[in-house]
Amino acid sequence: MKLTVITVCYQAEAVIRPTIESVLSQDGIDMEYRIIDGASKDRTVAIAEEYRPAFEKKGIPFFITSEPDKGIYDAMNKGIRQAEGEFLSFMNAGDRFFSPHIAREALQGAQDADVVYGYAILALSGHYKKHFPDPLETLNEHMAFNHQSSFVRRTQAQKLMFRTEYRLGADYDMMLRLYREGGRFCYVPVPVAVYDMAGVSETNALSTQEETLRVRHANGIPPKPEEQQDQKKIMRFVRRREAARKLLPFWYFSRKRGWYPTPEEADKGS
């Protein structure tokens, strides 16, 4: 079984190294690595090129595409079209695999699945927290698992592709469509990814919530009566939470809420 890891990036010189190094560290799995860069003007591509000899030494095919794109999902679609692996992992700049053996361990349970997913370790301001997926049926309401902690079968990804009219919610849209079409999902109880919560979707929580509603509407899922009644309250809560995060220090949110100083401690914690 071959895995294609795709890293989408733009102006990512500050965060690209840990991502690349986590891919390079993977062992015991047939793999190729594709970096899709949006024509960065900083040192992102130069830094990536530094790792080419190390990938060649390990026999891992290594590709870099750097050209303008129409956004993150357009870039991810480029990766899907180029990929040759049976499964795809989207490990974007700033995120990383939890451990050197985790891709092999997770995909051992792939069998005939279309999507294999584990859980994630959230990262924010040097603190880490374990984050389990919601029950799969909640895909009818929102994204049930962290996208970086999943592997999707290439043939399914090529059939569905990411809908680029969404700026933040196309990964949810793809998984929802696959789920509603009878796709086969397999959960493996392992920490697949360390996910950077300073990324685009997490720093635009209000827009992500709004796009979730758009995705559901586009897929024919009507709002629940209580959602129609409470939607304004929900959006007000999201706005207030985002405003508070900008004003208050991280410790205010992290104390007594299961955050740890390393990903490993977070995984061992409750």
Foldseek 3Di string as FASTA:
>chain_A
DEEEEEAEDEQQPPFAVQAVVQVLLADDHHYAYEYQYQQHPDCNVVVVVVCVVSCVVVVHHYYYHYHHADADLRSVLVVLVPDDGQKYAYQYGNKHWPHRHQVVVQCVPCVPAQKTFEWAWEDDPLKTATDGFAPPVCLLPWGRHDRNRMIGGSVLCNVQGFDVVQRQCRVSLSSSVCVVVPGGYHYDHDHTMHHYCVDDCNLPVLSNNVVSVVSSVVVPNDDDPVCVVCVVVVSVVVVVVSVVPVVDDPCVVPPPPQMHNDSVVNVVTD
